[in-house]
Amino acid sequence: EKSVASIKVAKAAKAEGELIITGTKGYIYVPSPWWKTDYFEVRFEDQTENKRHFYQLDGEGIRYEIVAFAKAVEKGSGGYDISEDISKAIVQVIEDYNSKKYIEI
């Protein structure tokens, strides 16, 4: 069975700052500010199936991932503000999505 999902985030417009990823069976809700995630919720029509997942990101979370990488390239050194483990996890999520390896909810 195939699913469809969409993401809506405002960059140059006023928005509440939450992130909602909607799918055919439910949606994922990440409260504001989504780039500094403390937790996210997987929500379904049957609220008894809802689950809250805690995922603490230190500092400014994923907001400055690309900026930190660009600065490291310019300096020719490490010194990242974001740990290597978090960076690898973010890259893995992107790779899994591009390879169609994702979870249908």
PDB file of N, CA and C in Angstrom:
ATOM      1  N   GLU A   1       0.843  -1.176   0.000  1.00  0.00           N
ATOM      2  CA  GLU A   1       0.000   0.000   0.000  1.00  0.00           C
ATOM      3  C   GLU A   1       0.888   1.239   0.000  1.00  0.00           C
ATOM      4  N   LYS A   2       0.566   2.186  -0.832  1.00  0.00           N
ATOM      5  CA  LYS A   2       1.344   3.415  -0.915  1.00  0.00           C
ATOM      6  C   LYS A   2       0.672   4.505  -0.104  1.00  0.00           C
ATOM      7  N   SER A   3       1.492   5.407   0.421  1.00  0.00           N
ATOM      8  CA  SER A   3       0.984   6.528   1.210  1.00  0.00           C
ATOM      9  C   SER A   3       1.485   7.830   0.626  1.00  0.00           C
ATOM     10  N   VAL A   4       0.793   8.877   0.961  1.00  0.00           N
ATOM     11  CA  VAL A   4       1.179  10.215   0.524  1.00  0.00           C
ATOM     12  C   VAL A   4       1.351  11.068   1.763  1.00  0.00           C
ATOM     13  N   ALA A   5       2.383  11.893   1.771  1.00  0.00           N
ATOM     14  CA  ALA A   5       2.597  12.810   2.892  1.00  0.00           C
ATOM     15  C   ALA A   5       2.947  14.182   2.350  1.00  0.00           C
ATOM     16  N   SER A   6       2.682  15.189   3.141  1.00  0.00           N
ATOM     17  CA  SER A   6       3.069  16.546   2.758  1.00  0.00           C
ATOM     18  C   SER A   6       3.583  17.271   3.989  1.00  0.00           C
ATOM     19  N   ILE A   7       4.469  18.240   3.749  1.00  0.00           N
ATOM     20  CA  ILE A   7       5.040  19.047   4.822  1.00  0.00           C
ATOM     21  C   ILE A   7       4.798  20.504   4.481  1.00  0.00           C
ATOM     22  N   LYS A   8       4.414  21.293   5.476  1.00  0.00           N
ATOM     23  CA  LYS A   8       4.198  22.719   5.258  1.00  0.00           C
ATOM     24  C   LYS A   8       4.968  23.490   6.324  1.00  0.00           C
ATOM     25  N   VAL A   9       5.950  24.278   5.881  1.00  0.00           N
ATOM     26  CA  VAL A   9       6.748  25.099   6.783  1.00  0.00           C
ATOM     27  C   VAL A   9       6.920  26.462   6.130  1.00  0.00           C
ATOM     28  N   ALA A  10       6.752  27.527   6.879  1.00  0.00           N
ATOM     29  CA  ALA A  10       6.927  28.876   6.336  1.00  0.00           C
ATOM     30  C   ALA A  10       8.322  29.383   6.665  1.00  0.00           C
ATOM     31  N   LYS A  11       9.006  29.919   5.662  1.00  0.00           N
ATOM     32  CA  LYS A  11      10.325  30.494   5.888  1.00  0.00           C
ATOM     33  C   LYS A  11      10.268  32.008   5.818  1.00  0.00           C
ATOM     34  N   ALA A  12       9.648  32.540   4.799  1.00  0.00           N
ATOM     35  CA  ALA A  12       9.610  33.986   4.610  1.00  0.00           C
ATOM     36  C   ALA A  12       8.224  34.549   4.897  1.00  0.00           C
ATOM     37  N   ALA A  13       7.421  33.801   5.616  1.00  0.00           N
ATOM     38  CA  ALA A  13       6.068  34.243   5.948  1.00  0.00           C
ATOM     39  C   ALA A  13       5.801  33.947   7.414  1.00  0.00           C
ATOM     40  N   LYS A  14       4.835  34.620   7.981  1.00  0.00           N
ATOM     41  CA  LYS A  14       4.473  34.411   9.381  1.00  0.00           C
ATOM     42  C   LYS A  14       3.819  33.044   9.534  1.00  0.00           C
ATOM     43  N   ALA A  15       4.298  32.302  10.500  1.00  0.00           N
ATOM     44  CA  ALA A  15       3.721  30.995  10.803  1.00  0.00           C
ATOM     45  C   ALA A  15       3.837  30.761  12.302  1.00  0.00           C
ATOM     46  N   GLU A  16       3.101  29.803  12.798  1.00  0.00           N
ATOM     47  CA  GLU A  16       3.120  29.507  14.227  1.00  0.00           C
ATOM     48  C   GLU A  16       4.417  28.839  14.669  1.00  0.00           C
ATOM     49  N   GLY A  17       5.125  28.219  13.752  1.00  0.00           N
ATOM     50  CA  GLY A  17       6.403  27.617  14.086  1.00  0.00           C
ATOM     51  C   GLY A  17       6.366  26.128  14.367  1.00  0.00           C
ATOM     52  N   GLU A  18       5.190  25.515  14.294  1.00  0.00           N
ATOM     53  CA  GLU A  18       5.141  24.071  14.471  1.00  0.00           C
ATOM     54  C   GLU A  18       5.359  23.401  13.124  1.00  0.00           C
ATOM     55  N   LEU A  19       5.631  22.117  13.166  1.00  0.00           N
ATOM     56  CA  LEU A  19       5.826  21.326  11.957  1.00  0.00           C
ATOM     57  C   LEU A  19       4.789  20.217  11.982  1.00  0.00           C
ATOM     58  N   ILE A  20       4.054  20.092  10.896  1.00  0.00           N
ATOM     59  CA  ILE A  20       3.050  19.035  10.778  1.00  0.00           C
ATOM     60  C   ILE A  20       3.307  18.289   9.479  1.00  0.00           C
ATOM     61  N   ILE A  21       3.496  16.990   9.589  1.00  0.00           N
ATOM     62  CA  ILE A  21       3.683  16.135   8.422  1.00  0.00           C
ATOM     63  C   ILE A  21       2.448  15.250   8.353  1.00  0.00           C
ATOM     64  N   THR A  22       1.645  15.447   7.316  1.00  0.00           N
ATOM     65  CA  THR A  22       0.395  14.701   7.214  1.00  0.00           C
ATOM     66  C   THR A  22       0.550  13.516   6.275  1.00  0.00           C
ATOM     67  N   GLY A  23      -0.117  12.444   6.603  1.00  0.00           N
ATOM     68  CA  GLY A  23      -0.089  11.241   5.782  1.00  0.00           C
ATOM     69  C   GLY A  23      -1.482  10.672   5.641  1.00  0.00           C
ATOM     70  N   THR A  24      -1.583   9.537   4.996  1.00  0.00           N
ATOM     71  CA  THR A  24      -2.886   8.942   4.728  1.00  0.00           C
ATOM     72  C   THR A  24      -3.499   8.275   5.953  1.00  0.00           C
ATOM     73  N   LYS A  25      -2.680   7.897   6.929  1.00  0.00           N
ATOM     74  CA  LYS A  25      -3.194   7.206   8.111  1.00  0.00           C
ATOM     75  C   LYS A  25      -3.116   8.041   9.384  1.00  0.00           C
ATOM     76  N   GLY A  26      -2.491   9.191   9.314  1.00  0.00           N
ATOM     77  CA  GLY A  26      -2.331  10.040  10.494  1.00  0.00           C
ATOM     78  C   GLY A  26      -1.372  11.172  10.187  1.00  0.00           C
ATOM     79  N   TYR A  27      -0.842  11.773  11.233  1.00  0.00           N
ATOM     80  CA  TYR A  27       0.118  12.842  11.015  1.00  0.00           C
ATOM     81  C   TYR A  27       1.106  12.916  12.165  1.00  0.00           C
ATOM     82  N   ILE A  28       2.237  13.567  11.890  1.00  0.00           N
ATOM     83  CA  ILE A  28       3.258  13.806  12.900  1.00  0.00           C
ATOM     84  C   ILE A  28       3.195  15.275  13.257  1.00  0.00           C
ATOM     85  N   TYR A  29       3.134  15.556  14.534  1.00  0.00           N
ATOM     86  CA  TYR A  29       3.069  16.933  15.029  1.00  0.00           C
ATOM     87  C   TYR A  29       4.320  17.222  15.852  1.00  0.00           C
ATOM     88  N   VAL A  30       5.048  18.286  15.456  1.00  0.00           N
ATOM     89  CA  VAL A  30       6.218  18.742  16.201  1.00  0.00           C
ATOM     90  C   VAL A  30       5.917  20.164  16.651  1.00  0.00           C
ATOM     91  N   PRO A  31       5.841  20.411  17.964  1.00  0.00           N
ATOM     92  CA  PRO A  31       5.478  21.744  18.443  1.00  0.00           C
ATOM     93  C   PRO A  31       6.566  22.776  18.172  1.00  0.00           C
ATOM     94  N   SER A  32       6.181  24.024  18.220  1.00  0.00           N
ATOM     95  CA  SER A  32       7.105  25.134  18.026  1.00  0.00           C
ATOM     96  C   SER A  32       8.099  25.206  19.180  1.00  0.00           C
ATOM     97  N   PRO A  33       9.340  25.532  18.906  1.00  0.00           N
ATOM     98  CA  PRO A  33       9.983  25.632  17.599  1.00  0.00           C
ATOM     99  C   PRO A  33      10.423  24.253  17.105  1.00  0.00           C
ATOM    100  N   TRP A  34      10.020  23.882  15.899  1.00  0.00           N
ATOM    101  CA  TRP A  34      10.265  22.540  15.371  1.00  0.00           C
ATOM    102  C   TRP A  34      11.747  22.249  15.173  1.00  0.00           C
ATOM    103  N   TRP A  35      12.567  23.283  14.949  1.00  0.00           N
ATOM    104  CA  TRP A  35      13.992  23.062  14.701  1.00  0.00           C
ATOM    105  C   TRP A  35      14.751  22.756  15.997  1.00  0.00           C
ATOM    106  N   LYS A  36      14.111  22.932  17.114  1.00  0.00           N
ATOM    107  CA  LYS A  36      14.727  22.604  18.411  1.00  0.00           C
ATOM    108  C   LYS A  36      13.813  21.599  19.109  1.00  0.00           C
ATOM    109  N   THR A  37      13.730  20.444  18.530  1.00  0.00           N
ATOM    110  CA  THR A  37      12.768  19.431  18.943  1.00  0.00           C
ATOM    111  C   THR A  37      13.057  18.895  20.339  1.00  0.00           C
ATOM    112  N   ASP A  38      12.055  18.914  21.200  1.00  0.00           N
ATOM    113  CA  ASP A  38      12.113  18.213  22.484  1.00  0.00           C
ATOM    114  C   ASP A  38      11.349  16.899  22.376  1.00  0.00           C
ATOM    115  N   TYR A  39      10.268  16.934  21.615  1.00  0.00           N
ATOM    116  CA  TYR A  39       9.459  15.738  21.403  1.00  0.00           C
ATOM    117  C   TYR A  39       8.615  15.935  20.146  1.00  0.00           C
ATOM    118  N   PHE A  40       8.071  14.848  19.663  1.00  0.00           N
ATOM    119  CA  PHE A  40       7.096  14.921  18.580  1.00  0.00           C
ATOM    120  C   PHE A  40       6.021  13.882  18.856  1.00  0.00           C
ATOM    121  N   GLU A  41       4.879  14.063  18.245  1.00  0.00           N
ATOM    122  CA  GLU A  41       3.758  13.150  18.445  1.00  0.00           C
ATOM    123  C   GLU A  41       3.329  12.550  17.113  1.00  0.00           C
ATOM    124  N   VAL A  42       3.061  11.258  17.128  1.00  0.00           N
ATOM    125  CA  VAL A  42       2.451  10.590  15.983  1.00  0.00           C
ATOM    126  C   VAL A  42       0.980  10.449  16.347  1.00  0.00           C
ATOM    127  N   ARG A  43       0.119  11.094  15.560  1.00  0.00           N
ATOM    128  CA  ARG A  43      -1.306  11.157  15.892  1.00  0.00           C
ATOM    129  C   ARG A  43      -2.149  10.440  14.836  1.00  0.00           C
ATOM    130  N   PHE A  44      -3.187   9.772  15.336  1.00  0.00           N
ATOM    131  CA  PHE A  44      -4.106   9.033  14.481  1.00  0.00           C
ATOM    132  C   PHE A  44      -5.537   9.464  14.779  1.00  0.00           C
ATOM    133  N   GLU A  45      -6.460   9.043  13.930  1.00  0.00           N
ATOM    134  CA  GLU A  45      -7.873   9.347  14.166  1.00  0.00           C
ATOM    135  C   GLU A  45      -8.328   8.768  15.507  1.00  0.00           C
ATOM    136  N   ASP A  46      -7.904   7.548  15.792  1.00  0.00           N
ATOM    137  CA  ASP A  46      -8.175   6.931  17.092  1.00  0.00           C
ATOM    138  C   ASP A  46      -7.108   7.427  18.069  1.00  0.00           C
ATOM    139  N   GLN A  47      -7.465   8.362  18.937  1.00  0.00           N
ATOM    140  CA  GLN A  47      -6.500   9.007  19.824  1.00  0.00           C
ATOM    141  C   GLN A  47      -5.809   8.041  20.778  1.00  0.00           C
ATOM    142  N   THR A  48      -6.381   6.871  20.996  1.00  0.00           N
ATOM    143  CA  THR A  48      -5.729   5.894  21.875  1.00  0.00           C
ATOM    144  C   THR A  48      -4.463   5.321  21.238  1.00  0.00           C
ATOM    145  N   GLU A  49      -4.311   5.498  19.926  1.00  0.00           N
ATOM    146  CA  GLU A  49      -3.123   5.018  19.222  1.00  0.00           C
ATOM    147  C   GLU A  49      -2.011   6.060  19.169  1.00  0.00           C
ATOM    148  N   ASN A  50      -2.293   7.292  19.598  1.00  0.00           N
ATOM    149  CA  ASN A  50      -1.292   8.358  19.561  1.00  0.00           C
ATOM    150  C   ASN A  50      -0.089   7.998  20.424  1.00  0.00           C
ATOM    151  N   LYS A  51       1.091   8.402  19.947  1.00  0.00           N
ATOM    152  CA  LYS A  51       2.319   8.156  20.704  1.00  0.00           C
ATOM    153  C   LYS A  51       3.162   9.419  20.717  1.00  0.00           C
ATOM    154  N   ARG A  52       3.752   9.698  21.868  1.00  0.00           N
ATOM    155  CA  ARG A  52       4.663  10.835  22.016  1.00  0.00           C
ATOM    156  C   ARG A  52       6.078  10.280  22.136  1.00  0.00           C
ATOM    157  N   HIS A  53       6.976  10.819  21.312  1.00  0.00           N
ATOM    158  CA  HIS A  53       8.373  10.398  21.306  1.00  0.00           C
ATOM    159  C   HIS A  53       9.232  11.572  21.746  1.00  0.00           C
ATOM    160  N   PHE A  54      10.099  11.345  22.726  1.00  0.00           N
ATOM    161  CA  PHE A  54      10.980  12.397  23.216  1.00  0.00           C
ATOM    162  C   PHE A  54      12.327  12.280  22.529  1.00  0.00           C
ATOM    163  N   TYR A  55      12.793  13.411  22.003  1.00  0.00           N
ATOM    164  CA  TYR A  55      14.060  13.457  21.282  1.00  0.00           C
ATOM    165  C   TYR A  55      14.693  14.806  21.567  1.00  0.00           C
ATOM    166  N   GLN A  56      15.526  14.861  22.570  1.00  0.00           N
ATOM    167  CA  GLN A  56      16.127  16.114  23.018  1.00  0.00           C
ATOM    168  C   GLN A  56      17.321  16.470  22.142  1.00  0.00           C
ATOM    169  N   LEU A  57      17.304  17.657  21.564  1.00  0.00           N
ATOM    170  CA  LEU A  57      18.447  18.177  20.823  1.00  0.00           C
ATOM    171  C   LEU A  57      19.081  19.284  21.651  1.00  0.00           C
ATOM    172  N   ASP A  58      20.385  19.219  21.829  1.00  0.00           N
ATOM    173  CA  ASP A  58      21.087  20.246  22.594  1.00  0.00           C
ATOM    174  C   ASP A  58      21.273  21.505  21.760  1.00  0.00           C
ATOM    175  N   GLY A  59      21.524  22.617  22.421  1.00  0.00           N
ATOM    176  CA  GLY A  59      21.790  23.875  21.727  1.00  0.00           C
ATOM    177  C   GLY A  59      20.609  24.319  20.897  1.00  0.00           C
ATOM    178  N   GLU A  60      20.867  24.660  19.668  1.00  0.00           N
ATOM    179  CA  GLU A  60      19.827  25.149  18.765  1.00  0.00           C
ATOM    180  C   GLU A  60      19.279  24.056  17.861  1.00  0.00           C
ATOM    181  N   GLY A  61      19.537  22.819  18.221  1.00  0.00           N
ATOM    182  CA  GLY A  61      18.963  21.725  17.454  1.00  0.00           C
ATOM    183  C   GLY A  61      19.498  21.663  16.040  1.00  0.00           C
ATOM    184  N   ILE A  62      18.629  21.384  15.072  1.00  0.00           N
ATOM    185  CA  ILE A  62      19.068  21.218  13.678  1.00  0.00           C
ATOM    186  C   ILE A  62      19.101  22.528  12.909  1.00  0.00           C
ATOM    187  N   ARG A  63      18.724  23.616  13.542  1.00  0.00           N
ATOM    188  CA  ARG A  63      18.607  24.904  12.852  1.00  0.00           C
ATOM    189  C   ARG A  63      19.909  25.344  12.194  1.00  0.00           C
ATOM    190  N   TYR A  64      21.024  25.099  12.839  1.00  0.00           N
ATOM    191  CA  TYR A  64      22.297  25.600  12.332  1.00  0.00           C
ATOM    192  C   TYR A  64      23.190  24.513  11.752  1.00  0.00           C
ATOM    193  N   GLU A  65      22.629  23.380  11.420  1.00  0.00           N
ATOM    194  CA  GLU A  65      23.414  22.272  10.871  1.00  0.00           C
ATOM    195  C   GLU A  65      24.182  22.686   9.617  1.00  0.00           C
ATOM    196  N   ILE A  66      23.515  23.287   8.659  1.00  0.00           N
ATOM    197  CA  ILE A  66      24.177  23.663   7.404  1.00  0.00           C
ATOM    198  C   ILE A  66      25.161  24.798   7.627  1.00  0.00           C
ATOM    199  N   VAL A  67      24.806  25.765   8.464  1.00  0.00           N
ATOM    200  CA  VAL A  67      25.717  26.874   8.763  1.00  0.00           C
ATOM    201  C   VAL A  67      26.988  26.348   9.421  1.00  0.00           C
ATOM    202  N   ALA A  68      26.856  25.438  10.375  1.00  0.00           N
ATOM    203  CA  ALA A  68      28.024  24.863  11.044  1.00  0.00           C
ATOM    204  C   ALA A  68      28.907  24.120  10.047  1.00  0.00           C
ATOM    205  N   PHE A  69      28.283  23.388   9.135  1.00  0.00           N
ATOM    206  CA  PHE A  69      29.041  22.658   8.120  1.00  0.00           C
ATOM    207  C   PHE A  69      29.785  23.620   7.195  1.00  0.00           C
ATOM    208  N   ALA A  70      29.099  24.673   6.729  1.00  0.00           N
ATOM    209  CA  ALA A  70      29.727  25.646   5.828  1.00  0.00           C
ATOM    210  C   ALA A  70      30.915  26.331   6.498  1.00  0.00           C
ATOM    211  N   LYS A  71      30.777  26.692   7.763  1.00  0.00           N
ATOM    212  CA  LYS A  71      31.883  27.327   8.493  1.00  0.00           C
ATOM    213  C   LYS A  71      33.068  26.378   8.630  1.00  0.00           C
ATOM    214  N   ALA A  72      32.792  25.109   8.885  1.00  0.00           N
ATOM    215  CA  ALA A  72      33.867  24.125   9.007  1.00  0.00           C
ATOM    216  C   ALA A  72      34.608  23.962   7.686  1.00  0.00           C
ATOM    217  N   VAL A  73      33.871  23.974   6.574  1.00  0.00           N
ATOM    218  CA  VAL A  73      34.503  23.867   5.256  1.00  0.00           C
ATOM    219  C   VAL A  73      35.368  25.090   4.994  1.00  0.00           C
ATOM    220  N   GLU A  74      34.851  26.283   5.308  1.00  0.00           N
ATOM    221  CA  GLU A  74      35.616  27.516   5.104  1.00  0.00           C
ATOM    222  C   GLU A  74      36.903  27.526   5.927  1.00  0.00           C
ATOM    223  N   LYS A  75      36.823  27.051   7.160  1.00  0.00           N
ATOM    224  CA  LYS A  75      37.983  27.033   8.051  1.00  0.00           C
ATOM    225  C   LYS A  75      38.918  25.866   7.756  1.00  0.00           C
ATOM    226  N   GLY A  76      38.404  24.870   7.068  1.00  0.00           N
ATOM    227  CA  GLY A  76      39.203  23.687   6.787  1.00  0.00           C
ATOM    228  C   GLY A  76      39.449  22.835   8.019  1.00  0.00           C
ATOM    229  N   SER A  77      38.541  22.916   8.964  1.00  0.00           N
ATOM    230  CA  SER A  77      38.711  22.148  10.199  1.00  0.00           C
ATOM    231  C   SER A  77      37.356  21.692  10.718  1.00  0.00           C
ATOM    232  N   GLY A  78      37.400  20.928  11.801  1.00  0.00           N
ATOM    233  CA  GLY A  78      36.175  20.479  12.466  1.00  0.00           C
ATOM    234  C   GLY A  78      35.605  21.610  13.297  1.00  0.00           C
ATOM    235  N   GLY A  79      35.440  21.374  14.574  1.00  0.00           N
ATOM    236  CA  GLY A  79      34.913  22.411  15.451  1.00  0.00           C
ATOM    237  C   GLY A  79      33.432  22.647  15.263  1.00  0.00           C
ATOM    238  N   TYR A  80      32.708  21.578  14.978  1.00  0.00           N
ATOM    239  CA  TYR A  80      31.274  21.694  14.761  1.00  0.00           C
ATOM    240  C   TYR A  80      30.547  22.008  16.063  1.00  0.00           C
ATOM    241  N   ASP A  81      29.471  22.775  15.954  1.00  0.00           N
ATOM    242  CA  ASP A  81      28.609  23.023  17.103  1.00  0.00           C
ATOM    243  C   ASP A  81      27.640  21.869  17.303  1.00  0.00           C
ATOM    244  N   ILE A  82      27.492  21.042  16.291  1.00  0.00           N
ATOM    245  CA  ILE A  82      26.566  19.911  16.325  1.00  0.00           C
ATOM    246  C   ILE A  82      27.399  18.637  16.259  1.00  0.00           C
ATOM    247  N   SER A  83      27.074  17.683  17.105  1.00  0.00           N
ATOM    248  CA  SER A  83      27.894  16.468  17.185  1.00  0.00           C
ATOM    249  C   SER A  83      27.867  15.682  15.874  1.00  0.00           C
ATOM    250  N   GLU A  84      28.917  14.911  15.687  1.00  0.00           N
ATOM    251  CA  GLU A  84      29.017  14.082  14.487  1.00  0.00           C
ATOM    252  C   GLU A  84      27.886  13.059  14.428  1.00  0.00           C
ATOM    253  N   ASP A  85      27.496  12.513  15.583  1.00  0.00           N
ATOM    254  CA  ASP A  85      26.404  11.532  15.620  1.00  0.00           C
ATOM    255  C   ASP A  85      25.086  12.124  15.134  1.00  0.00           C
ATOM    256  N   ILE A  86      24.773  13.345  15.576  1.00  0.00           N
ATOM    257  CA  ILE A  86      23.538  14.012  15.139  1.00  0.00           C
ATOM    258  C   ILE A  86      23.608  14.304  13.643  1.00  0.00           C
ATOM    259  N   SER A  87      24.761  14.787  13.176  1.00  0.00           N
ATOM    260  CA  SER A  87      24.925  15.070  11.745  1.00  0.00           C
ATOM    261  C   SER A  87      24.716  13.814  10.908  1.00  0.00           C
ATOM    262  N   LYS A  88      25.296  12.705  11.348  1.00  0.00           N
ATOM    263  CA  LYS A  88      25.135  11.445  10.618  1.00  0.00           C
ATOM    264  C   LYS A  88      23.677  10.986  10.618  1.00  0.00           C
ATOM    265  N   ALA A  89      22.994  11.173  11.737  1.00  0.00           N
ATOM    266  CA  ALA A  89      21.585  10.774  11.820  1.00  0.00           C
ATOM    267  C   ALA A  89      20.728  11.589  10.860  1.00  0.00           C
ATOM    268  N   ILE A  90      20.987  12.893  10.767  1.00  0.00           N
ATOM    269  CA  ILE A  90      20.231  13.751   9.849  1.00  0.00           C
ATOM    270  C   ILE A  90      20.476  13.324   8.405  1.00  0.00           C
ATOM    271  N   VAL A  91      21.738  13.077   8.069  1.00  0.00           N
ATOM    272  CA  VAL A  91      22.075  12.634   6.716  1.00  0.00           C
ATOM    273  C   VAL A  91      21.413  11.289   6.415  1.00  0.00           C
ATOM    274  N   GLN A  92      21.356  10.397   7.402  1.00  0.00           N
ATOM    275  CA  GLN A  92      20.727   9.092   7.199  1.00  0.00           C
ATOM    276  C   GLN A  92      19.237   9.232   6.923  1.00  0.00           C
ATOM    277  N   VAL A  93      18.570  10.139   7.627  1.00  0.00           N
ATOM    278  CA  VAL A  93      17.143  10.382   7.381  1.00  0.00           C
ATOM    279  C   VAL A  93      16.932  10.854   5.949  1.00  0.00           C
ATOM    280  N   ILE A  94      17.767  11.789   5.497  1.00  0.00           N
ATOM    281  CA  ILE A  94      17.654  12.301   4.126  1.00  0.00           C
ATOM    282  C   ILE A  94      17.923  11.184   3.120  1.00  0.00           C
ATOM    283  N   GLU A  95      18.961  10.391   3.362  1.00  0.00           N
ATOM    284  CA  GLU A  95      19.287   9.278   2.468  1.00  0.00           C
ATOM    285  C   GLU A  95      18.165   8.246   2.425  1.00  0.00           C
ATOM    286  N   ASP A  96      17.603   7.908   3.581  1.00  0.00           N
ATOM    287  CA  ASP A  96      16.496   6.952   3.618  1.00  0.00           C
ATOM    288  C   ASP A  96      15.301   7.464   2.828  1.00  0.00           C
ATOM    289  N   TYR A  97      15.018   8.749   2.960  1.00  0.00           N
ATOM    290  CA  TYR A  97      13.897   9.329   2.216  1.00  0.00           C
ATOM    291  C   TYR A  97      14.159   9.254   0.713  1.00  0.00           C
ATOM    292  N   ASN A  98      15.359   9.650   0.304  1.00  0.00           N
ATOM    293  CA  ASN A  98      15.693   9.625  -1.123  1.00  0.00           C
ATOM    294  C   ASN A  98      15.700   8.208  -1.685  1.00  0.00           C
ATOM    295  N   SER A  99      15.984   7.221  -0.849  1.00  0.00           N
ATOM    296  CA  SER A  99      16.005   5.817  -1.273  1.00  0.00           C
ATOM    297  C   SER A  99      14.655   5.135  -1.078  1.00  0.00           C
ATOM    298  N   LYS A 100      13.645   5.929  -0.720  1.00  0.00           N
ATOM    299  CA  LYS A 100      12.286   5.415  -0.486  1.00  0.00           C
ATOM    300  C   LYS A 100      12.231   4.442   0.691  1.00  0.00           C
ATOM    301  N   LYS A 101      13.148   4.589   1.649  1.00  0.00           N
ATOM    302  CA  LYS A 101      13.150   3.754   2.854  1.00  0.00           C
ATOM    303  C   LYS A 101      12.560   4.575   3.993  1.00  0.00           C
ATOM    304  N   TYR A 102      11.268   4.632   4.053  1.00  0.00           N
ATOM    305  CA  TYR A 102      10.633   5.408   5.108  1.00  0.00           C
ATOM    306  C   TYR A 102       9.426   4.656   5.636  1.00  0.00           C
ATOM    307  N   ILE A 103       8.973   5.083   6.791  1.00  0.00           N
ATOM    308  CA  ILE A 103       7.872   4.414   7.479  1.00  0.00           C
ATOM    309  C   ILE A 103       6.552   5.028   7.053  1.00  0.00           C
ATOM    310  N   GLU A 104       5.612   4.204   6.704  1.00  0.00           N
ATOM    311  CA  GLU A 104       4.272   4.683   6.382  1.00  0.00           C
ATOM    312  C   GLU A 104       3.438   4.694   7.644  1.00  0.00           C
ATOM    313  N   ILE A 105       2.778   5.819   7.916  1.00  0.00           N
ATOM    314  CA  ILE A 105       1.899   5.895   9.092  1.00  0.00           C
ATOM    315  C   ILE A 105       0.497   6.224   8.658  1.00  0.00           C
TER     316      ILE A 105
END
